[in-house]
PDB file of N, CA and C in Angstrom:
ATOM      1  N   MET A   1      11.794  41.407 -15.064  1.00  0.00           N
ATOM      2  CA  MET A   1      11.531  40.016 -14.726  1.00  0.00           C
ATOM      3  C   MET A   1      12.872  39.268 -14.709  1.00  0.00           C
ATOM      4  N   ASN A   2      13.144  38.540 -13.606  1.00  0.00           N
ATOM      5  CA  ASN A   2      14.418  37.815 -13.564  1.00  0.00           C
ATOM      6  C   ASN A   2      14.283  36.471 -14.288  1.00  0.00           C
ATOM      7  N   ASN A   3      15.428  35.824 -14.519  1.00  0.00           N
ATOM      8  CA  ASN A   3      15.452  34.577 -15.288  1.00  0.00           C
ATOM      9  C   ASN A   3      14.646  33.466 -14.641  1.00  0.00           C
ATOM     10  N   LEU A   4      14.588  33.447 -13.307  1.00  0.00           N
ATOM     11  CA  LEU A   4      13.826  32.386 -12.639  1.00  0.00           C
ATOM     12  C   LEU A   4      12.328  32.555 -12.830  1.00  0.00           C
ATOM     13  N   GLN A   5      11.886  33.763 -13.097  1.00  0.00           N
ATOM     14  CA  GLN A   5      10.464  33.999 -13.328  1.00  0.00           C
ATOM     15  C   GLN A   5      10.098  33.845 -14.795  1.00  0.00           C
ATOM     16  N   ASN A   6      11.078  33.653 -15.642  1.00  0.00           N
ATOM     17  CA  ASN A   6      10.837  33.509 -17.065  1.00  0.00           C
ATOM     18  C   ASN A   6      11.089  32.051 -17.464  1.00  0.00           C
ATOM     19  N   PRO A   7      10.033  31.258 -17.607  1.00  0.00           N
ATOM     20  CA  PRO A   7      10.210  29.834 -17.915  1.00  0.00           C
ATOM     21  C   PRO A   7      10.974  29.577 -19.204  1.00  0.00           C
ATOM     22  N   GLN A   8      10.805  30.437 -20.205  1.00  0.00           N
ATOM     23  CA  GLN A   8      11.519  30.234 -21.469  1.00  0.00           C
ATOM     24  C   GLN A   8      13.022  30.404 -21.276  1.00  0.00           C
ATOM     25  N   ALA A   9      13.414  31.373 -20.462  1.00  0.00           N
ATOM     26  CA  ALA A   9      14.839  31.601 -20.205  1.00  0.00           C
ATOM     27  C   ALA A   9      15.449  30.403 -19.492  1.00  0.00           C
ATOM     28  N   VAL A  10      14.722  29.854 -18.536  1.00  0.00           N
ATOM     29  CA  VAL A  10      15.206  28.673 -17.813  1.00  0.00           C
ATOM     30  C   VAL A  10      15.310  27.482 -18.759  1.00  0.00           C
ATOM     31  N   ALA A  11      14.266  27.240 -19.541  1.00  0.00           N
ATOM     32  CA  ALA A  11      14.229  26.085 -20.445  1.00  0.00           C
ATOM     33  C   ALA A  11      15.297  26.169 -21.532  1.00  0.00           C
ATOM     34  N   GLN A  12      15.702  27.368 -21.911  1.00  0.00           N
ATOM     35  CA  GLN A  12      16.697  27.528 -22.967  1.00  0.00           C
ATOM     36  C   GLN A  12      18.132  27.477 -22.447  1.00  0.00           C
ATOM     37  N   SER A  13      18.305  27.510 -21.142  1.00  0.00           N
ATOM     38  CA  SER A  13      19.667  27.519 -20.604  1.00  0.00           C
ATOM     39  C   SER A  13      20.323  26.151 -20.775  1.00  0.00           C
ATOM     40  N   ALA A  14      21.615  26.167 -21.051  1.00  0.00           N
ATOM     41  CA  ALA A  14      22.375  24.926 -21.254  1.00  0.00           C
ATOM     42  C   ALA A  14      22.396  24.086 -19.978  1.00  0.00           C
ATOM     43  N   GLY A  15      22.492  24.752 -18.835  1.00  0.00           N
ATOM     44  CA  GLY A  15      22.507  24.028 -17.558  1.00  0.00           C
ATOM     45  C   GLY A  15      21.225  23.263 -17.317  1.00  0.00           C
ATOM     46  N   PHE A  16      20.101  23.887 -17.645  1.00  0.00           N
ATOM     47  CA  PHE A  16      18.812  23.216 -17.460  1.00  0.00           C
ATOM     48  C   PHE A  16      18.683  22.012 -18.386  1.00  0.00           C
ATOM     49  N   LYS A  17      19.109  22.190 -19.635  1.00  0.00           N
ATOM     50  CA  LYS A  17      19.029  21.080 -20.593  1.00  0.00           C
ATOM     51  C   LYS A  17      19.892  19.910 -20.136  1.00  0.00           C
ATOM     52  N   LYS A  18      21.077  20.206 -19.610  1.00  0.00           N
ATOM     53  CA  LYS A  18      21.950  19.147 -19.102  1.00  0.00           C
ATOM     54  C   LYS A  18      21.316  18.461 -17.895  1.00  0.00           C
ATOM     55  N   LEU A  19      20.717  19.243 -17.021  1.00  0.00           N
ATOM     56  CA  LEU A  19      20.050  18.704 -15.840  1.00  0.00           C
ATOM     57  C   LEU A  19      18.921  17.749 -16.227  1.00  0.00           C
ATOM     58  N   VAL A  20      18.118  18.152 -17.193  1.00  0.00           N
ATOM     59  CA  VAL A  20      17.017  17.308 -17.663  1.00  0.00           C
ATOM     60  C   VAL A  20      17.552  16.036 -18.304  1.00  0.00           C
ATOM     61  N   ARG A  21      18.598  16.160 -19.108  1.00  0.00           N
ATOM     62  CA  ARG A  21      19.213  14.988 -19.758  1.00  0.00           C
ATOM     63  C   ARG A  21      19.731  13.992 -18.722  1.00  0.00           C
ATOM     64  N   ASN A  22      20.403  14.493 -17.699  1.00  0.00           N
ATOM     65  CA  ASN A  22      20.937  13.626 -16.654  1.00  0.00           C
ATOM     66  C   ASN A  22      19.824  12.925 -15.879  1.00  0.00           C
ATOM     67  N   ARG A  23      18.778  13.672 -15.559  1.00  0.00           N
ATOM     68  CA  ARG A  23      17.664  13.060 -14.814  1.00  0.00           C
ATOM     69  C   ARG A  23      17.005  11.965 -15.632  1.00  0.00           C
ATOM     70  N   TRP A  24      16.799  12.224 -16.925  1.00  0.00           N
ATOM     71  CA  TRP A  24      16.202  11.206 -17.789  1.00  0.00           C
ATOM     72  C   TRP A  24      17.097   9.972 -17.890  1.00  0.00           C
ATOM     73  N   ALA A  25      18.394  10.190 -18.012  1.00  0.00           N
ATOM     74  CA  ALA A  25      19.323   9.064 -18.143  1.00  0.00           C
ATOM     75  C   ALA A  25      19.287   8.185 -16.899  1.00  0.00           C
ATOM     76  N   VAL A  26      19.318   8.799 -15.728  1.00  0.00           N
ATOM     77  CA  VAL A  26      19.278   8.026 -14.481  1.00  0.00           C
ATOM     78  C   VAL A  26      17.926   7.342 -14.325  1.00  0.00           C
ATOM     79  N   SER A  27      16.855   8.075 -14.537  1.00  0.00           N
ATOM     80  CA  SER A  27      15.514   7.503 -14.384  1.00  0.00           C
ATOM     81  C   SER A  27      15.274   6.356 -15.359  1.00  0.00           C
ATOM     82  N   LEU A  28      15.627   6.577 -16.603  1.00  0.00           N
ATOM     83  CA  LEU A  28      15.424   5.546 -17.615  1.00  0.00           C
ATOM     84  C   LEU A  28      16.308   4.331 -17.350  1.00  0.00           C
ATOM     85  N   GLY A  29      17.543   4.573 -16.957  1.00  0.00           N
ATOM     86  CA  GLY A  29      18.450   3.465 -16.651  1.00  0.00           C
ATOM     87  C   GLY A  29      17.933   2.592 -15.514  1.00  0.00           C
ATOM     88  N   LEU A  30      17.502   3.225 -14.426  1.00  0.00           N
ATOM     89  CA  LEU A  30      16.977   2.461 -13.298  1.00  0.00           C
ATOM     90  C   LEU A  30      15.661   1.769 -13.652  1.00  0.00           C
ATOM     91  N   THR A  31      14.860   2.404 -14.481  1.00  0.00           N
ATOM     92  CA  THR A  31      13.610   1.786 -14.923  1.00  0.00           C
ATOM     93  C   THR A  31      13.887   0.537 -15.743  1.00  0.00           C
ATOM     94  N   VAL A  32      14.846   0.621 -16.649  1.00  0.00           N
ATOM     95  CA  VAL A  32      15.199  -0.544 -17.476  1.00  0.00           C
ATOM     96  C   VAL A  32      15.727  -1.680 -16.599  1.00  0.00           C
ATOM     97  N   VAL A  33      16.559  -1.348 -15.631  1.00  0.00           N
ATOM     98  CA  VAL A  33      17.090  -2.380 -14.726  1.00  0.00           C
ATOM     99  C   VAL A  33      15.955  -3.054 -13.962  1.00  0.00           C
ATOM    100  N   MET A  34      15.007  -2.258 -13.445  1.00  0.00           N
ATOM    101  CA  MET A  34      13.895  -2.837 -12.682  1.00  0.00           C
ATOM    102  C   MET A  34      12.990  -3.670 -13.577  1.00  0.00           C
ATOM    103  N   LEU A  35      12.705  -3.175 -14.773  1.00  0.00           N
ATOM    104  CA  LEU A  35      11.864  -3.941 -15.698  1.00  0.00           C
ATOM    105  C   LEU A  35      12.530  -5.249 -16.109  1.00  0.00           C
ATOM    106  N   ALA A  36      13.841  -5.227 -16.297  1.00  0.00           N
ATOM    107  CA  ALA A  36      14.562  -6.451 -16.646  1.00  0.00           C
ATOM    108  C   ALA A  36      14.486  -7.464 -15.509  1.00  0.00           C
ATOM    109  N   ALA A  37      14.651  -6.992 -14.276  1.00  0.00           N
ATOM    110  CA  ALA A  37      14.556  -7.897 -13.124  1.00  0.00           C
ATOM    111  C   ALA A  37      13.144  -8.478 -13.025  1.00  0.00           C
ATOM    112  N   TYR A  38      12.145  -7.632 -13.178  1.00  0.00           N
ATOM    113  CA  TYR A  38      10.763  -8.095 -13.087  1.00  0.00           C
ATOM    114  C   TYR A  38      10.433  -9.050 -14.231  1.00  0.00           C
ATOM    115  N   LEU A  39      10.857  -8.718 -15.437  1.00  0.00           N
ATOM    116  CA  LEU A  39      10.614  -9.593 -16.581  1.00  0.00           C
ATOM    117  C   LEU A  39      11.295 -10.944 -16.379  1.00  0.00           C
ATOM    118  N   GLY A  40      12.512 -10.921 -15.860  1.00  0.00           N
ATOM    119  CA  GLY A  40      13.200 -12.173 -15.569  1.00  0.00           C
ATOM    120  C   GLY A  40      12.426 -13.025 -14.577  1.00  0.00           C
ATOM    121  N   PHE A  41      11.880 -12.389 -13.557  1.00  0.00           N
ATOM    122  CA  PHE A  41      11.088 -13.118 -12.564  1.00  0.00           C
ATOM    123  C   PHE A  41       9.823 -13.690 -13.198  1.00  0.00           C
ATOM    124  N   ILE A  42       9.129 -12.881 -13.989  1.00  0.00           N
ATOM    125  CA  ILE A  42       7.893 -13.336 -14.637  1.00  0.00           C
ATOM    126  C   ILE A  42       8.179 -14.480 -15.606  1.00  0.00           C
ATOM    127  N   LEU A  43       9.261 -14.377 -16.366  1.00  0.00           N
ATOM    128  CA  LEU A  43       9.616 -15.466 -17.281  1.00  0.00           C
ATOM    129  C   LEU A  43       9.962 -16.739 -16.514  1.00  0.00           C
ATOM    130  N   THR A  44      10.614 -16.584 -15.383  1.00  0.00           N
ATOM    131  CA  THR A  44      10.917 -17.749 -14.549  1.00  0.00           C
ATOM    132  C   THR A  44       9.631 -18.365 -13.998  1.00  0.00           C
ATOM    133  N   VAL A  45       8.690 -17.522 -13.619  1.00  0.00           N
ATOM    134  CA  VAL A  45       7.392 -18.038 -13.152  1.00  0.00           C
ATOM    135  C   VAL A  45       6.705 -18.795 -14.279  1.00  0.00           C
ATOM    136  N   GLY A  46       6.769 -18.252 -15.482  1.00  0.00           N
ATOM    137  CA  GLY A  46       6.082 -18.881 -16.611  1.00  0.00           C
ATOM    138  C   GLY A  46       6.750 -20.140 -17.124  1.00  0.00           C
ATOM    139  N   PHE A  47       8.070 -20.158 -17.123  1.00  0.00           N
ATOM    140  CA  PHE A  47       8.775 -21.268 -17.772  1.00  0.00           C
ATOM    141  C   PHE A  47       9.660 -22.095 -16.840  1.00  0.00           C
ATOM    142  N   GLY A  48       9.804 -21.687 -15.596  1.00  0.00           N
ATOM    143  CA  GLY A  48      10.682 -22.429 -14.689  1.00  0.00           C
ATOM    144  C   GLY A  48      10.017 -22.794 -13.388  1.00  0.00           C
ATOM    145  N   LYS A  49       8.804 -23.285 -13.494  1.00  0.00           N
ATOM    146  CA  LYS A  49       8.051 -23.614 -12.285  1.00  0.00           C
ATOM    147  C   LYS A  49       8.785 -24.620 -11.403  1.00  0.00           C
ATOM    148  N   THR A  50       9.451 -25.581 -12.019  1.00  0.00           N
ATOM    149  CA  THR A  50      10.165 -26.583 -11.210  1.00  0.00           C
ATOM    150  C   THR A  50      11.345 -25.942 -10.483  1.00  0.00           C
ATOM    151  N   THR A  51      11.985 -24.978 -11.115  1.00  0.00           N
ATOM    152  CA  THR A  51      13.088 -24.271 -10.454  1.00  0.00           C
ATOM    153  C   THR A  51      12.572 -23.479  -9.261  1.00  0.00           C
ATOM    154  N   LEU A  52      11.456 -22.796  -9.441  1.00  0.00           N
ATOM    155  CA  LEU A  52      10.902 -22.005  -8.349  1.00  0.00           C
ATOM    156  C   LEU A  52      10.360 -22.866  -7.220  1.00  0.00           C
ATOM    157  N   ALA A  53       9.953 -24.082  -7.534  1.00  0.00           N
ATOM    158  CA  ALA A  53       9.411 -24.980  -6.512  1.00  0.00           C
ATOM    159  C   ALA A  53      10.512 -25.678  -5.720  1.00  0.00           C
ATOM    160  N   ALA A  54      11.739 -25.608  -6.190  1.00  0.00           N
ATOM    161  CA  ALA A  54      12.843 -26.278  -5.492  1.00  0.00           C
ATOM    162  C   ALA A  54      13.011 -25.681  -4.098  1.00  0.00           C
ATOM    163  N   PRO A  55      13.181 -26.535  -3.105  1.00  0.00           N
ATOM    164  CA  PRO A  55      13.272 -26.033  -1.728  1.00  0.00           C
ATOM    165  C   PRO A  55      14.592 -25.327  -1.441  1.00  0.00           C
ATOM    166  N   VAL A  56      14.487 -24.340  -0.576  1.00  0.00           N
ATOM    167  CA  VAL A  56      15.644 -23.651  -0.011  1.00  0.00           C
ATOM    168  C   VAL A  56      15.455 -23.750   1.501  1.00  0.00           C
ATOM    169  N   GLY A  57      16.163 -24.631   2.114  1.00  0.00           N
ATOM    170  CA  GLY A  57      15.956 -24.864   3.547  1.00  0.00           C
ATOM    171  C   GLY A  57      14.697 -25.688   3.757  1.00  0.00           C
ATOM    172  N   ALA A  58      14.228 -25.677   4.978  1.00  0.00           N
ATOM    173  CA  ALA A  58      13.088 -26.527   5.338  1.00  0.00           C
ATOM    174  C   ALA A  58      11.732 -25.899   5.016  1.00  0.00           C
ATOM    175  N   HIS A  59      11.666 -24.580   4.997  1.00  0.00           N
ATOM    176  CA  HIS A  59      10.355 -23.924   4.898  1.00  0.00           C
ATOM    177  C   HIS A  59      10.183 -23.004   3.688  1.00  0.00           C
ATOM    178  N   PHE A  60      11.186 -22.837   2.885  1.00  0.00           N
ATOM    179  CA  PHE A  60      11.113 -21.894   1.776  1.00  0.00           C
ATOM    180  C   PHE A  60      11.414 -22.583   0.450  1.00  0.00           C
ATOM    181  N   ASN A  61      10.977 -21.939  -0.629  1.00  0.00           N
ATOM    182  CA  ASN A  61      11.361 -22.397  -1.961  1.00  0.00           C
ATOM    183  C   ASN A  61      11.931 -21.204  -2.731  1.00  0.00           C
ATOM    184  N   TRP A  62      12.508 -21.474  -3.904  1.00  0.00           N
ATOM    185  CA  TRP A  62      13.142 -20.418  -4.687  1.00  0.00           C
ATOM    186  C   TRP A  62      12.151 -19.345  -5.130  1.00  0.00           C
ATOM    187  N   GLY A  63      10.899 -19.711  -5.359  1.00  0.00           N
ATOM    188  CA  GLY A  63       9.895 -18.726  -5.763  1.00  0.00           C
ATOM    189  C   GLY A  63       9.709 -17.657  -4.704  1.00  0.00           C
ATOM    190  N   LEU A  64       9.618 -18.084  -3.454  1.00  0.00           N
ATOM    191  CA  LEU A  64       9.451 -17.138  -2.351  1.00  0.00           C
ATOM    192  C   LEU A  64      10.708 -16.284  -2.177  1.00  0.00           C
ATOM    193  N   VAL A  65      11.857 -16.914  -2.230  1.00  0.00           N
ATOM    194  CA  VAL A  65      13.120 -16.182  -2.072  1.00  0.00           C
ATOM    195  C   VAL A  65      13.283 -15.139  -3.181  1.00  0.00           C
ATOM    196  N   LEU A  66      13.029 -15.541  -4.417  1.00  0.00           N
ATOM    197  CA  LEU A  66      13.178 -14.595  -5.537  1.00  0.00           C
ATOM    198  C   LEU A  66      12.109 -13.507  -5.505  1.00  0.00           C
ATOM    199  N   GLY A  67      10.886 -13.844  -5.103  1.00  0.00           N
ATOM    200  CA  GLY A  67       9.822 -12.840  -5.004  1.00  0.00           C
ATOM    201  C   GLY A  67      10.138 -11.779  -3.966  1.00  0.00           C
ATOM    202  N   VAL A  68      10.569 -12.208  -2.791  1.00  0.00           N
ATOM    203  CA  VAL A  68      10.952 -11.255  -1.747  1.00  0.00           C
ATOM    204  C   VAL A  68      12.199 -10.488  -2.194  1.00  0.00           C
ATOM    205  N   GLY A  69      13.119 -11.180  -2.853  1.00  0.00           N
ATOM    206  CA  GLY A  69      14.318 -10.518  -3.364  1.00  0.00           C
ATOM    207  C   GLY A  69      13.989  -9.424  -4.367  1.00  0.00           C
ATOM    208  N   LEU A  70      12.990  -9.654  -5.190  1.00  0.00           N
ATOM    209  CA  LEU A  70      12.572  -8.649  -6.170  1.00  0.00           C
ATOM    210  C   LEU A  70      12.018  -7.408  -5.466  1.00  0.00           C
ATOM    211  N   ILE A  71      11.264  -7.615  -4.413  1.00  0.00           N
ATOM    212  CA  ILE A  71      10.735  -6.485  -3.645  1.00  0.00           C
ATOM    213  C   ILE A  71      11.870  -5.710  -2.986  1.00  0.00           C
ATOM    214  N   VAL A  72      12.797  -6.421  -2.387  1.00  0.00           N
ATOM    215  CA  VAL A  72      13.941  -5.762  -1.762  1.00  0.00           C
ATOM    216  C   VAL A  72      14.774  -5.021  -2.822  1.00  0.00           C
ATOM    217  N   PHE A  73      14.940  -5.621  -3.979  1.00  0.00           N
ATOM    218  CA  PHE A  73      15.668  -4.981  -5.074  1.00  0.00           C
ATOM    219  C   PHE A  73      14.984  -3.671  -5.486  1.00  0.00           C
ATOM    220  N   ALA A  74      13.664  -3.670  -5.539  1.00  0.00           N
ATOM    221  CA  ALA A  74      12.928  -2.438  -5.873  1.00  0.00           C
ATOM    222  C   ALA A  74      13.185  -1.366  -4.820  1.00  0.00           C
ATOM    223  N   TRP A  75      13.201  -1.741  -3.544  1.00  0.00           N
ATOM    224  CA  TRP A  75      13.504  -0.779  -2.479  1.00  0.00           C
ATOM    225  C   TRP A  75      14.914  -0.228  -2.645  1.00  0.00           C
ATOM    226  N   LEU A  76      15.861  -1.117  -2.958  1.00  0.00           N
ATOM    227  CA  LEU A  76      17.246  -0.684  -3.129  1.00  0.00           C
ATOM    228  C   LEU A  76      17.405   0.278  -4.299  1.00  0.00           C
ATOM    229  N   ILE A  77      16.719  -0.009  -5.392  1.00  0.00           N
ATOM    230  CA  ILE A  77      16.790   0.889  -6.553  1.00  0.00           C
ATOM    231  C   ILE A  77      16.158   2.242  -6.220  1.00  0.00           C
ATOM    232  N   THR A  78      15.072   2.214  -5.472  1.00  0.00           N
ATOM    233  CA  THR A  78      14.449   3.465  -5.039  1.00  0.00           C
ATOM    234  C   THR A  78      15.410   4.249  -4.147  1.00  0.00           C
ATOM    235  N   GLY A  79      16.049   3.554  -3.231  1.00  0.00           N
ATOM    236  CA  GLY A  79      17.037   4.199  -2.358  1.00  0.00           C
ATOM    237  C   GLY A  79      18.202   4.768  -3.147  1.00  0.00           C
ATOM    238  N   LEU A  80      18.633   4.051  -4.168  1.00  0.00           N
ATOM    239  CA  LEU A  80      19.713   4.532  -5.031  1.00  0.00           C
ATOM    240  C   LEU A  80      19.304   5.821  -5.734  1.00  0.00           C
ATOM    241  N   TYR A  81      18.076   5.859  -6.233  1.00  0.00           N
ATOM    242  CA  TYR A  81      17.594   7.072  -6.900  1.00  0.00           C
ATOM    243  C   TYR A  81      17.515   8.239  -5.911  1.00  0.00           C
ATOM    244  N   VAL A  82      17.005   7.983  -4.713  1.00  0.00           N
ATOM    245  CA  VAL A  82      16.891   9.041  -3.707  1.00  0.00           C
ATOM    246  C   VAL A  82      18.283   9.556  -3.333  1.00  0.00           C
ATOM    247  N   TYR A  83      19.230   8.636  -3.171  1.00  0.00           N
ATOM    248  CA  TYR A  83      20.610   9.041  -2.865  1.00  0.00           C
ATOM    249  C   TYR A  83      21.171   9.913  -3.986  1.00  0.00           C
ATOM    250  N   TRP A  84      20.986   9.460  -5.231  1.00  0.00           N
ATOM    251  CA  TRP A  84      21.473  10.238  -6.368  1.00  0.00           C
ATOM    252  C   TRP A  84      20.813  11.617  -6.398  1.00  0.00           C
ATOM    253  N   ALA A  85      19.505  11.649  -6.205  1.00  0.00           N
ATOM    254  CA  ALA A  85      18.784  12.921  -6.255  1.00  0.00           C
ATOM    255  C   ALA A  85      19.264  13.870  -5.155  1.00  0.00           C
ATOM    256  N   ASN A  86      19.471  13.350  -3.957  1.00  0.00           N
ATOM    257  CA  ASN A  86      19.893  14.206  -2.844  1.00  0.00           C
ATOM    258  C   ASN A  86      21.336  14.681  -2.972  1.00  0.00           C
ATOM    259  N   HIS A  87      22.217  13.837  -3.513  1.00  0.00           N
ATOM    260  CA  HIS A  87      23.636  14.165  -3.532  1.00  0.00           C
ATOM    261  C   HIS A  87      24.145  14.728  -4.857  1.00  0.00           C
ATOM    262  N   ARG A  88      23.423  14.520  -5.929  1.00  0.00           N
ATOM    263  CA  ARG A  88      23.878  15.013  -7.233  1.00  0.00           C
ATOM    264  C   ARG A  88      22.878  15.976  -7.854  1.00  0.00           C
ATOM    265  N   TYR A  89      21.632  15.542  -7.980  1.00  0.00           N
ATOM    266  CA  TYR A  89      20.629  16.307  -8.712  1.00  0.00           C
ATOM    267  C   TYR A  89      20.262  17.606  -7.974  1.00  0.00           C
ATOM    268  N   ASP A  90      19.911  17.498  -6.701  1.00  0.00           N
ATOM    269  CA  ASP A  90      19.495  18.684  -5.954  1.00  0.00           C
ATOM    270  C   ASP A  90      20.596  19.750  -5.880  1.00  0.00           C
ATOM    271  N   PRO A  91      21.871  19.369  -5.624  1.00  0.00           N
ATOM    272  CA  PRO A  91      22.912  20.410  -5.667  1.00  0.00           C
ATOM    273  C   PRO A  91      23.051  21.056  -7.050  1.00  0.00           C
ATOM    274  N   GLN A  92      22.873  20.281  -8.111  1.00  0.00           N
ATOM    275  CA  GLN A  92      22.937  20.858  -9.453  1.00  0.00           C
ATOM    276  C   GLN A  92      21.779  21.829  -9.678  1.00  0.00           C
ATOM    277  N   VAL A  93      20.608  21.512  -9.151  1.00  0.00           N
ATOM    278  CA  VAL A  93      19.456  22.416  -9.265  1.00  0.00           C
ATOM    279  C   VAL A  93      19.755  23.713  -8.518  1.00  0.00           C
ATOM    280  N   ARG A  94      20.304  23.593  -7.309  1.00  0.00           N
ATOM    281  CA  ARG A  94      20.646  24.804  -6.543  1.00  0.00           C
ATOM    282  C   ARG A  94      21.678  25.654  -7.274  1.00  0.00           C
ATOM    283  N   ASP A  95      22.694  24.990  -7.840  1.00  0.00           N
ATOM    284  CA  ASP A  95      23.720  25.729  -8.592  1.00  0.00           C
ATOM    285  C   ASP A  95      23.116  26.439  -9.800  1.00  0.00           C
ATOM    286  N   LEU A  96      22.238  25.758 -10.509  1.00  0.00           N
ATOM    287  CA  LEU A  96      21.596  26.360 -11.678  1.00  0.00           C
ATOM    288  C   LEU A  96      20.751  27.558 -11.267  1.00  0.00           C
ATOM    289  N   ARG A  97      20.030  27.435 -10.178  1.00  0.00           N
ATOM    290  CA  ARG A  97      19.207  28.562  -9.706  1.00  0.00           C
ATOM    291  C   ARG A  97      20.087  29.758  -9.351  1.00  0.00           C
ATOM    292  N   ARG A  98      21.220  29.470  -8.689  1.00  0.00           N
ATOM    293  CA  ARG A  98      22.151  30.544  -8.353  1.00  0.00           C
ATOM    294  C   ARG A  98      22.697  31.221  -9.598  1.00  0.00           C
ATOM    295  N   GLN A  99      23.065  30.406 -10.599  1.00  0.00           N
ATOM    296  CA  GLN A  99      23.592  30.958 -11.851  1.00  0.00           C
ATOM    297  C   GLN A  99      22.555  31.834 -12.540  1.00  0.00           C
ATOM    298  N   LEU A 100      21.328  31.350 -12.598  1.00  0.00           N
ATOM    299  CA  LEU A 100      20.278  32.111 -13.269  1.00  0.00           C
ATOM    300  C   LEU A 100      19.943  33.398 -12.511  1.00  0.00           C
ATOM    301  N   LYS A 101      19.981  33.338 -11.181  1.00  0.00           N
ATOM    302  CA  LYS A 101      19.730  34.544 -10.399  1.00  0.00           C
ATOM    303  C   LYS A 101      20.829  35.578 -10.616  1.00  0.00           C
ATOM    304  N   SER A 102      22.061  35.097 -10.737  1.00  0.00           N
ATOM    305  CA  SER A 102      23.185  36.032 -10.903  1.00  0.00           C
ATOM    306  C   SER A 102      23.200  36.689 -12.281  1.00  0.00           C
ATOM    307  N   GLN A 103      22.466  36.112 -13.232  1.00  0.00           N
ATOM    308  CA  GLN A 103      22.415  36.694 -14.574  1.00  0.00           C
ATOM    309  C   GLN A 103      21.431  37.853 -14.669  1.00  0.00           C
ATOM    310  N   ASP A 104      20.723  38.093 -13.595  1.00  0.00           N
ATOM    311  CA  ASP A 104      19.732  39.203 -13.608  1.00  0.00           C
ATOM    312  C   ASP A 104      20.414  40.547 -13.620  1.00  0.00           C
TER     313      ASP A 104
END
């Protein structure tokens, strides 16, 4: 049985542990950033109604601008994660698989 078919061998490898640690760090970091942005928006809705009602131009107010901005920010954070996964995480997974295959 090769290392890729043995889940315990994969889970015990230093490369796999580092890969999992990195993924958690990126995921948790981006989650905290998004939650902070959302919490800030919710707190502004709850305690800054006059600020959100202030006009921006002729047809918009700060509430609408910040709400749409929050949605766009979520898309950007998602794009950042996808970029990181495609350019850093996936190559590390391929390298780890190659290393484990070569240990057979």
